[in-house]
């Protein structure tokens, strides 16, 4: 009965309240001591202790998922997700770059007006972003100003907003990859040779033919053209036999080999197969993702039919497409990654940590008290059993007649129960 009472919520709440009051009294006593010590010195020069305001725990955080496949139900992917062991709930909103209207204020963050699919427009204040679509489209779409507004508010994101900003310019990404090659060497990091022309007037200087030209920051195979000579601007089959992709989502890796009848590869008819994530592949993408601060990315390359070597082409950011065979599994990897980054971005306030620790201490003290009670009860039972046993042994000793000194058992040899023979 006492043990059940110790485990009851009312008892635990009472213990927690008593502990808080005790700490409060200790703090007040300490403050009085500090004030007394301050009175000894010069009142004008002795600084008074200041009490810092402890931030309060925000019980709900809003995650805004931008873009991606319309068929993916992100609220369902994050269903039941929480931060800090259930202390903070996570609300998920979805929108495309096109549907976002927003403003960023220096004092209160950003206010985003979105139009969810099948719903009316509403305003939200996102705490965290998951970006799953490109900022620039193949038909002139450009949503970089929205990215700048989020950067103005310092909204944390996967991938980071800084990495998204860098990835809007392919020459910057190539420069980061070139820095890796400079450290490792061409054999260890076989980045494809490339020339970047500042404008069309500089294209009179060519490094040789044939070449593949890519215009702007288009993706999915768009904006590419293969040039065989100065006068030819026609597409034709190149001399590569397959391309490969190394995918990274947090600490999860995949590698694919893709075959296509079109030299542009991505965005056209193709088939793929799984290949092992070799230590070399893992090293390549780990270095590339670290160089640009990416959690979600993919490193693309080609295998040359001529020399049998692999060459790295480019690095893609968090808008990468997911392989249909592993989409459901990779969505869960993205969810876990986002929740981990959100936990890092929004740590528990000090007072919440203290209360959590106090609750653990109260629970431990209750467990210790309950254990002590159990030990005491067991000791009482043990004493009772010992007393009953001693009483029983004493009673048996009184009933058994005592033997004279030196007397042997008659009819038994050596006391082992063997009968003596009647005949001598």
Protein backbone atom coordinates (compact mmCIF):
# COMPACT_ATOMS: atom_id res chain seq x y z
CA UNK A 1 0.00 0.00 0.00
CA UNK A 2 2.79 2.40 0.95
CA UNK A 3 4.72 1.40 -2.16
CA UNK A 4 1.72 2.10 -4.42
CA UNK A 5 1.27 5.45 -2.72
CA UNK A 6 4.94 6.32 -3.37
CA UNK A 7 4.47 5.57 -7.09
CA UNK A 8 1.23 7.54 -7.43
CA UNK A 9 1.28 10.73 -9.59
CA UNK A 10 0.06 12.77 -6.60
CA UNK A 11 3.03 11.65 -4.52
CA UNK A 12 5.53 12.36 -7.31
CA UNK A 13 4.02 15.81 -7.91
CA UNK A 14 4.24 16.54 -4.19
CA UNK A 15 7.90 15.47 -4.10
CA UNK A 16 8.67 17.60 -7.15
CA UNK A 17 6.97 20.64 -5.60
CA UNK A 18 8.88 20.17 -2.34
CA UNK A 19 12.17 19.99 -4.24
CA UNK A 20 11.36 23.18 -6.17
CA UNK A 21 10.50 25.04 -2.97
CA UNK A 22 13.73 23.81 -1.40
CA UNK A 23 15.78 25.07 -4.34
CA UNK A 24 13.89 28.36 -4.30
CA UNK A 25 14.70 28.85 -0.62
CA UNK A 26 18.35 28.02 -1.26
CA UNK A 27 18.48 30.57 -4.11
CA UNK A 28 16.86 33.25 -1.94
CA UNK A 29 19.33 32.54 0.87
CA UNK A 30 22.22 32.80 -1.58
CA UNK A 31 20.91 36.11 -2.94
CA UNK A 32 20.61 37.48 0.61
CA UNK A 33 24.23 36.50 1.22
CA UNK A 34 25.29 38.23 -1.98
CA UNK A 35 23.42 41.40 -1.00
CA UNK A 36 25.00 41.35 2.48
CA UNK A 37 28.43 40.97 0.92
CA UNK A 38 27.65 43.88 -1.39
CA UNK A 39 26.75 46.15 1.54
CA UNK A 40 30.29 45.87 2.92
CA UNK A 41 31.86 47.62 -0.07
CA UNK A 42 31.07 50.87 -1.78
CA UNK A 43 27.44 50.82 -2.92
CA UNK A 44 28.22 53.00 -5.95
CA UNK A 45 31.08 50.87 -7.27
CA UNK A 46 29.96 47.38 -6.24
CA UNK A 47 27.92 45.82 -9.07
CA UNK A 48 24.63 44.24 -8.08
CA UNK A 49 23.99 40.67 -9.17
CA UNK A 50 21.77 40.41 -12.24
CA UNK A 51 19.36 37.57 -12.90
CA UNK A 52 19.28 36.48 -16.53
CA UNK A 53 15.93 35.77 -18.13
CA UNK A 54 15.62 32.08 -18.93
CA UNK A 55 13.90 31.41 -22.28
CA UNK A 56 10.66 29.50 -22.10
CA UNK A 57 10.11 26.23 -23.92
CA UNK A 58 8.22 26.55 -27.20
CA UNK A 59 5.75 23.65 -27.22
CA UNK A 60 5.31 23.54 -31.00
CA UNK A 61 7.63 24.03 -33.98
CA UNK A 62 6.52 24.53 -37.59
CA UNK A 63 8.35 22.76 -40.40
CA UNK A 64 7.79 24.09 -43.93
CA UNK A 65 8.53 21.64 -46.75
CA UNK A 66 9.13 23.47 -50.02
CA UNK A 67 8.59 21.70 -53.33
CA UNK A 68 9.23 18.08 -54.20
CA UNK A 69 6.87 15.58 -55.76
CA UNK A 70 3.23 16.59 -55.37
CA UNK A 71 2.32 12.99 -54.57
CA UNK A 72 4.38 12.93 -51.34
CA UNK A 73 2.29 13.59 -48.22
CA UNK A 74 4.89 15.18 -45.94
CA UNK A 75 2.53 15.56 -42.93
CA UNK A 76 2.01 11.80 -43.12
CA UNK A 77 5.79 11.20 -43.31
CA UNK A 78 6.24 13.26 -40.11
CA UNK A 79 3.12 11.96 -38.39
CA UNK A 80 3.68 11.66 -34.63
CA UNK A 81 7.13 13.28 -34.84
CA UNK A 82 8.28 15.23 -31.79
CA UNK A 83 11.43 16.83 -30.42
CA UNK A 84 13.12 16.23 -27.06
CA UNK A 85 11.27 13.00 -26.23
CA UNK A 86 7.79 14.39 -26.79
CA UNK A 87 8.21 17.81 -25.14
CA UNK A 88 7.86 19.68 -28.46
CA UNK A 89 5.34 18.86 -31.21
CA UNK A 90 6.16 19.29 -34.90
CA UNK A 91 3.60 20.76 -37.32
CA UNK A 92 4.27 20.24 -41.04
CA UNK A 93 3.20 22.62 -43.81
CA UNK A 94 3.76 22.19 -47.56
CA UNK A 95 4.14 24.71 -50.36
CA UNK A 96 5.92 25.23 -53.67
CA UNK A 97 8.28 28.13 -54.32
CA UNK A 98 5.70 29.55 -56.70
CA UNK A 99 2.97 29.65 -54.02
CA UNK A 100 5.07 31.39 -51.36
CA UNK A 101 4.67 35.07 -50.55
CA UNK A 102 6.74 36.31 -47.66
CA UNK A 103 8.32 39.17 -45.77
CA UNK A 104 11.17 39.11 -43.25
CA UNK A 105 11.27 41.45 -40.25
CA UNK A 106 14.38 42.14 -38.21
CA UNK A 107 12.53 41.90 -34.89
CA UNK A 108 10.03 39.08 -35.38
CA UNK A 109 11.36 36.87 -38.15
CA UNK A 110 9.57 36.00 -41.38
CA UNK A 111 5.88 35.73 -42.14
CA UNK A 112 5.07 33.37 -45.00
CA UNK A 113 1.80 33.31 -46.88
CA UNK A 114 1.22 29.91 -48.51
CA UNK A 115 -1.52 28.24 -50.53
CA UNK A 116 -1.62 24.53 -49.66
CA UNK A 117 -2.98 22.21 -52.33
CA UNK A 118 -6.76 22.16 -52.13
CA UNK A 119 -6.85 24.79 -49.37
CA UNK A 120 -7.13 28.53 -48.92
CA UNK A 121 -4.16 30.81 -48.35
CA UNK A 122 -2.87 31.16 -44.79
CA UNK A 123 0.02 32.82 -42.99
CA UNK A 124 2.61 30.91 -40.99
CA UNK A 125 5.92 31.60 -39.30
CA UNK A 126 8.15 28.63 -40.14
CA UNK A 127 10.77 27.58 -37.62
CA UNK A 128 12.57 25.20 -39.98
CA UNK A 129 12.72 24.48 -43.72
CA UNK A 130 13.11 21.34 -45.79
CA UNK A 131 13.86 22.35 -49.40
CA UNK A 132 13.05 19.71 -52.00
CA UNK A 133 12.90 21.64 -55.27
CA UNK A 134 15.22 23.81 -57.34
CA UNK A 135 15.10 27.58 -57.06
CA UNK A 136 15.57 28.17 -60.77
CA UNK A 137 13.52 26.46 -63.46
CA UNK A 138 14.11 25.59 -67.09
CA UNK A 139 11.44 28.03 -68.28
CA UNK A 140 12.78 31.15 -66.62
CA UNK A 141 11.48 30.55 -63.08
CA UNK A 142 13.67 32.24 -60.50
CA UNK A 143 12.78 32.16 -56.80
CA UNK A 144 16.12 33.26 -55.36
CA UNK A 145 14.55 36.34 -53.76
CA UNK A 146 12.53 34.04 -51.51
CA UNK A 147 15.74 32.29 -50.50
CA UNK A 148 17.30 35.67 -49.67
CA UNK A 149 14.31 36.53 -47.45
CA UNK A 150 14.71 33.27 -45.53
CA UNK A 151 18.42 34.00 -45.16
CA UNK A 152 17.52 37.47 -43.86
CA UNK A 153 15.58 35.75 -41.03
CA UNK A 154 18.25 33.08 -40.40
CA UNK A 155 15.71 30.28 -40.68
CA UNK A 156 17.51 26.92 -40.17
CA UNK A 157 17.10 24.48 -43.02
CA UNK A 158 18.04 21.16 -44.66
CA UNK A 159 20.14 21.70 -46.64
CA UNK A 160 21.52 24.87 -45.07
CA UNK A 161 20.48 28.09 -46.76
CA UNK A 162 24.14 28.94 -47.32
CA UNK A 163 24.68 25.71 -49.27
CA UNK A 164 21.50 26.34 -51.29
CA UNK A 165 22.80 29.81 -52.13
CA UNK A 166 26.15 28.44 -53.31
CA UNK A 167 24.48 25.77 -55.43
CA UNK A 168 22.60 28.37 -57.47
CA UNK A 169 25.84 28.92 -59.38
CA UNK A 170 27.45 25.88 -60.96
CA UNK A 171 30.89 27.55 -61.29
CA UNK A 172 31.00 27.99 -57.49
CA UNK A 173 30.18 24.30 -56.95
CA UNK A 174 32.82 23.27 -59.48
CA UNK A 175 35.35 25.51 -57.74
CA UNK A 176 34.66 23.73 -54.43
CA UNK A 177 35.13 20.35 -56.09
CA UNK A 178 38.30 21.58 -57.78
CA UNK A 179 39.69 22.51 -54.35
CA UNK A 180 39.18 18.89 -53.25
CA UNK A 181 40.99 17.65 -56.36
CA UNK A 182 43.87 20.01 -55.65
CA UNK A 183 44.37 18.32 -52.26
CA UNK A 184 43.83 14.69 -53.33
CA UNK A 185 45.14 14.78 -56.91
CA UNK A 186 43.48 13.93 -60.22
CA UNK A 187 43.76 10.18 -59.76
CA UNK A 188 42.09 10.18 -56.34
CA UNK A 189 39.40 12.71 -57.27
CA UNK A 190 38.88 12.51 -61.07
CA UNK A 191 36.91 15.71 -61.65
CA UNK A 192 36.10 16.24 -65.30
CA UNK A 193 37.95 19.03 -67.09
CA UNK A 194 35.87 22.14 -67.57
CA UNK A 195 36.05 25.69 -68.91
CA UNK A 196 33.83 28.51 -67.66
CA UNK A 197 33.18 31.46 -69.98
CA UNK A 198 32.20 34.71 -68.27
CA UNK A 199 30.05 35.71 -71.28
CA UNK A 200 29.42 34.67 -74.87
CA UNK A 201 32.10 37.03 -76.24
CA UNK A 202 34.82 34.94 -74.57
CA UNK A 203 33.69 31.76 -76.33
CA UNK A 204 36.00 32.46 -79.26
CA UNK A 205 38.72 30.72 -77.22
CA UNK A 206 37.99 27.00 -77.16
CA UNK A 207 39.92 24.31 -75.35
CA UNK A 208 39.17 21.69 -77.97
CA UNK A 209 36.38 19.58 -79.44
CA UNK A 210 34.14 17.73 -78.88
CA UNK A 211 32.71 19.47 -75.81
CA UNK A 212 29.46 19.44 -73.83
CA UNK A 213 28.07 22.90 -73.14
CA UNK A 214 25.64 23.57 -70.32
CA UNK A 215 23.76 26.86 -70.16
CA UNK A 216 22.96 28.43 -66.81
CA UNK A 217 21.80 26.31 -63.87
CA UNK A 218 19.22 24.11 -65.62
CA UNK A 219 18.71 20.58 -64.34
CA UNK A 220 17.25 17.20 -65.39
CA UNK A 221 19.23 17.21 -68.64
CA UNK A 222 17.98 20.57 -69.90
CA UNK A 223 20.27 23.32 -71.17
CA UNK A 224 22.93 20.94 -72.51
CA UNK A 225 24.40 20.80 -75.99
CA UNK A 226 27.25 18.79 -77.43
CA UNK A 227 29.48 20.63 -79.89
CA UNK A 228 31.61 18.67 -82.32
CA UNK A 229 33.26 21.57 -84.04
CA UNK A 230 33.18 25.33 -84.25
CA UNK A 231 30.50 25.20 -86.92
CA UNK A 232 28.49 22.27 -85.64
CA UNK A 233 25.84 22.63 -83.00
CA UNK A 234 24.21 19.24 -83.30
CA UNK A 235 23.54 16.58 -80.67
CA UNK A 236 25.06 13.18 -81.26
CA UNK A 237 26.01 10.09 -79.31
CA UNK A 238 29.03 10.48 -77.02
CA UNK A 239 31.64 7.92 -76.08
CA UNK A 240 30.49 7.12 -72.52
CA UNK A 241 28.77 3.85 -71.71
CA UNK A 242 27.03 4.67 -68.40
CA UNK A 243 26.77 7.30 -65.73
CA UNK A 244 26.68 6.84 -61.98
CA UNK A 245 25.19 8.60 -58.98
CA UNK A 246 26.33 8.52 -55.37
CA UNK A 247 23.53 9.58 -53.01
CA UNK A 248 23.91 10.79 -49.44
CA UNK A 249 21.11 11.48 -46.94
CA UNK A 250 22.67 12.15 -43.56
CA UNK A 251 24.63 8.99 -42.75
CA UNK A 252 22.81 6.86 -45.34
CA UNK A 253 24.42 6.17 -48.70
CA UNK A 254 23.35 4.61 -52.02
CA UNK A 255 25.03 4.23 -55.39
CA UNK A 256 23.43 3.62 -58.78
CA UNK A 257 24.62 2.88 -62.30
CA UNK A 258 22.40 4.26 -65.04
CA UNK A 259 22.21 3.42 -68.72
CA UNK A 260 20.53 5.63 -71.33
CA UNK A 261 20.25 5.81 -75.08
CA UNK A 262 20.51 9.59 -74.88
CA UNK A 263 23.81 11.28 -73.98
CA UNK A 264 21.99 13.81 -71.80
CA UNK A 265 21.10 10.97 -69.46
CA UNK A 266 18.92 12.55 -66.78
CA UNK A 267 15.36 13.33 -67.78
CA UNK A 268 15.33 10.80 -70.63
CA UNK A 269 14.61 7.09 -70.99
CA UNK A 270 17.02 5.17 -68.83
CA UNK A 271 17.40 2.18 -66.56
CA UNK A 272 19.42 1.90 -63.41
CA UNK A 273 20.87 -0.72 -61.13
CA UNK A 274 22.32 -0.75 -57.62
CA UNK A 275 26.07 -0.84 -57.21
CA UNK A 276 28.13 -1.09 -54.00
CA UNK A 277 29.05 2.08 -52.15
CA UNK A 278 32.79 1.61 -52.29
CA UNK A 279 35.12 3.37 -49.82
CA UNK A 280 36.22 5.58 -52.70
CA UNK A 281 32.61 6.59 -53.51
CA UNK A 282 31.94 7.34 -49.86
CA UNK A 283 35.09 9.44 -49.60
CA UNK A 284 34.16 11.43 -52.70
CA UNK A 285 30.69 12.40 -51.54
CA UNK A 286 31.70 12.97 -47.91
CA UNK A 287 34.36 15.47 -49.01
CA UNK A 288 32.00 17.14 -51.48
CA UNK A 289 29.11 17.44 -49.00
CA UNK A 290 31.44 18.81 -46.33
CA UNK A 291 32.88 21.40 -48.72
CA UNK A 292 29.41 22.87 -49.33
CA UNK A 293 27.75 22.08 -45.99
CA UNK A 294 25.20 19.59 -47.36
CA UNK A 295 23.25 16.88 -45.56
CA UNK A 296 21.33 15.73 -48.65
CA UNK A 297 23.17 15.58 -51.97
CA UNK A 298 24.15 13.44 -54.95
CA UNK A 299 27.42 13.27 -56.85
CA UNK A 300 27.03 12.48 -60.57
CA UNK A 301 29.69 11.12 -62.90
CA UNK A 302 30.28 9.14 -66.08
CA UNK A 303 32.30 6.08 -67.03
CA UNK A 304 34.40 6.52 -70.16
CA UNK A 305 34.33 3.74 -72.72
CA UNK A 306 37.70 4.84 -74.11
CA UNK A 307 39.94 4.62 -71.03
CA UNK A 308 37.66 2.74 -68.61
CA UNK A 309 37.88 5.51 -65.99
CA UNK A 310 35.18 7.29 -64.01
CA UNK A 311 34.90 11.08 -64.05
CA UNK A 312 32.98 13.30 -61.63
CA UNK A 313 30.62 15.73 -63.37
CA UNK A 314 28.69 17.70 -60.76
CA UNK A 315 27.22 17.85 -57.27
CA UNK A 316 23.45 18.24 -56.77
CA UNK A 317 21.77 19.64 -53.66
CA UNK A 318 18.70 18.69 -51.58
CA UNK A 319 16.35 18.88 -54.59
CA UNK A 320 17.69 15.52 -55.82
CA UNK A 321 15.15 13.00 -57.04
CA UNK A 322 14.80 9.75 -55.11
CA UNK A 323 14.98 6.35 -56.73
CA UNK A 324 11.45 4.90 -56.96
CA UNK A 325 12.57 1.57 -55.50
CA UNK A 326 13.77 3.21 -52.28
CA UNK A 327 11.61 6.33 -52.10
CA UNK A 328 9.63 5.33 -48.99
CA UNK A 329 12.77 4.34 -47.11
CA UNK A 330 14.67 7.47 -48.15
CA UNK A 331 11.75 9.68 -47.08
CA UNK A 332 12.11 8.24 -43.58
CA UNK A 333 15.86 8.94 -43.70
CA UNK A 334 15.08 12.56 -44.61
CA UNK A 335 12.53 12.75 -41.78
CA UNK A 336 15.02 11.47 -39.20
CA UNK A 337 17.69 13.86 -40.50
CA UNK A 338 15.35 16.86 -40.28
CA UNK A 339 14.25 15.98 -36.74
CA UNK A 340 17.89 15.63 -35.70
CA UNK A 341 18.77 19.04 -37.15
CA UNK A 342 15.68 20.60 -35.55
CA UNK A 343 16.70 19.20 -32.16
CA UNK A 344 20.12 20.82 -32.63
CA UNK A 345 18.60 24.12 -33.75
CA UNK A 346 16.14 24.29 -30.84
CA UNK A 347 17.81 22.94 -27.68
CA UNK A 348 15.90 22.73 -24.42
CA UNK A 349 16.04 25.90 -22.27
CA UNK A 350 18.07 25.65 -19.07
CA UNK A 351 14.99 25.70 -16.85
CA UNK A 352 13.45 22.80 -18.78
CA UNK A 353 16.66 20.83 -18.43
CA UNK A 354 16.66 21.54 -14.68
CA UNK A 355 13.04 20.48 -14.31
CA UNK A 356 13.72 17.35 -16.31
CA UNK A 357 16.71 16.57 -14.11
CA UNK A 358 14.66 17.33 -10.98
CA UNK A 359 11.95 14.96 -12.17
CA UNK A 360 14.56 12.26 -12.74
CA UNK A 361 16.02 12.86 -9.28
CA UNK A 362 12.58 12.68 -7.65
CA UNK A 363 11.88 9.48 -9.54
CA UNK A 364 15.23 8.03 -8.48
CA UNK A 365 14.65 9.01 -4.83
CA UNK A 366 11.19 7.42 -4.93
CA UNK A 367 12.69 4.26 -6.40
CA UNK A 368 15.35 4.18 -3.67
CA UNK A 369 12.75 4.69 -0.94
CA UNK A 370 10.58 1.93 -2.40
CA UNK A 371 13.59 -0.37 -2.58
CA UNK A 372 14.46 0.35 1.06
CA UNK A 373 10.91 -0.48 2.10
CA UNK A 374 11.07 -3.77 0.23
CA UNK A 375 14.39 -4.64 1.91
CA UNK A 376 12.93 -3.82 5.34
CA UNK A 377 9.89 -6.02 4.70
CA UNK A 378 12.09 -8.87 3.51
CA UNK A 379 14.25 -8.50 6.64
CA UNK A 380 11.16 -8.81 8.85
CA UNK A 381 10.05 -11.93 7.01
CA UNK A 382 13.55 -13.36 7.27
CA UNK A 383 13.60 -12.76 11.04
CA UNK A 384 10.22 -14.44 11.37
CA UNK A 385 11.33 -17.48 9.40
CA UNK A 386 14.59 -17.69 11.38
CA UNK A 387 12.71 -17.49 14.68
CA UNK A 388 10.25 -20.20 13.63
CA UNK A 389 13.11 -22.43 12.51
CA UNK A 390 14.99 -21.99 15.81
CA UNK A 391 11.85 -22.74 17.80
CA UNK A 392 11.24 -25.92 15.79
CA UNK A 393 14.82 -27.11 16.30
CA UNK A 394 14.55 -26.45 20.05
CA UNK A 395 11.33 -28.45 20.26
CA UNK A 396 12.87 -31.39 18.45
CA UNK A 397 15.92 -31.28 20.75
CA UNK A 398 13.68 -31.53 23.84
CA UNK A 399 11.88 -34.61 22.49
CA UNK A 400 15.12 -36.44 21.59
CA UNK A 401 16.68 -38.30 24.67
CA UNK A 402 20.28 -37.36 25.35
CA UNK A 403 23.03 -40.03 25.12
CA UNK A 404 25.59 -40.79 27.75
CA UNK A 405 29.14 -39.93 26.99
CA UNK A 406 30.99 -42.75 25.19
CA UNK A 407 27.80 -44.75 24.58
CA UNK A 408 27.51 -46.28 21.14
CA UNK A 409 24.44 -47.09 19.16
CA UNK A 410 23.41 -50.66 19.88
CA UNK A 411 22.70 -52.86 16.93
CA UNK A 412 24.58 -50.63 14.54
CA UNK A 413 28.14 -50.77 13.38
CA UNK A 414 29.99 -47.46 13.46
CA UNK A 415 26.64 -45.67 13.51
CA UNK A 416 26.05 -46.22 9.79
CA UNK A 417 22.93 -48.29 10.30
CA UNK A 418 24.44 -51.72 9.72
CA UNK A 419 22.98 -54.41 12.02
CA UNK A 420 25.39 -56.48 14.09
CA UNK A 421 25.30 -60.19 13.55
CA UNK A 422 23.69 -62.05 16.42
CA UNK A 423 26.42 -64.65 16.15
CA UNK A 424 29.91 -63.85 17.34
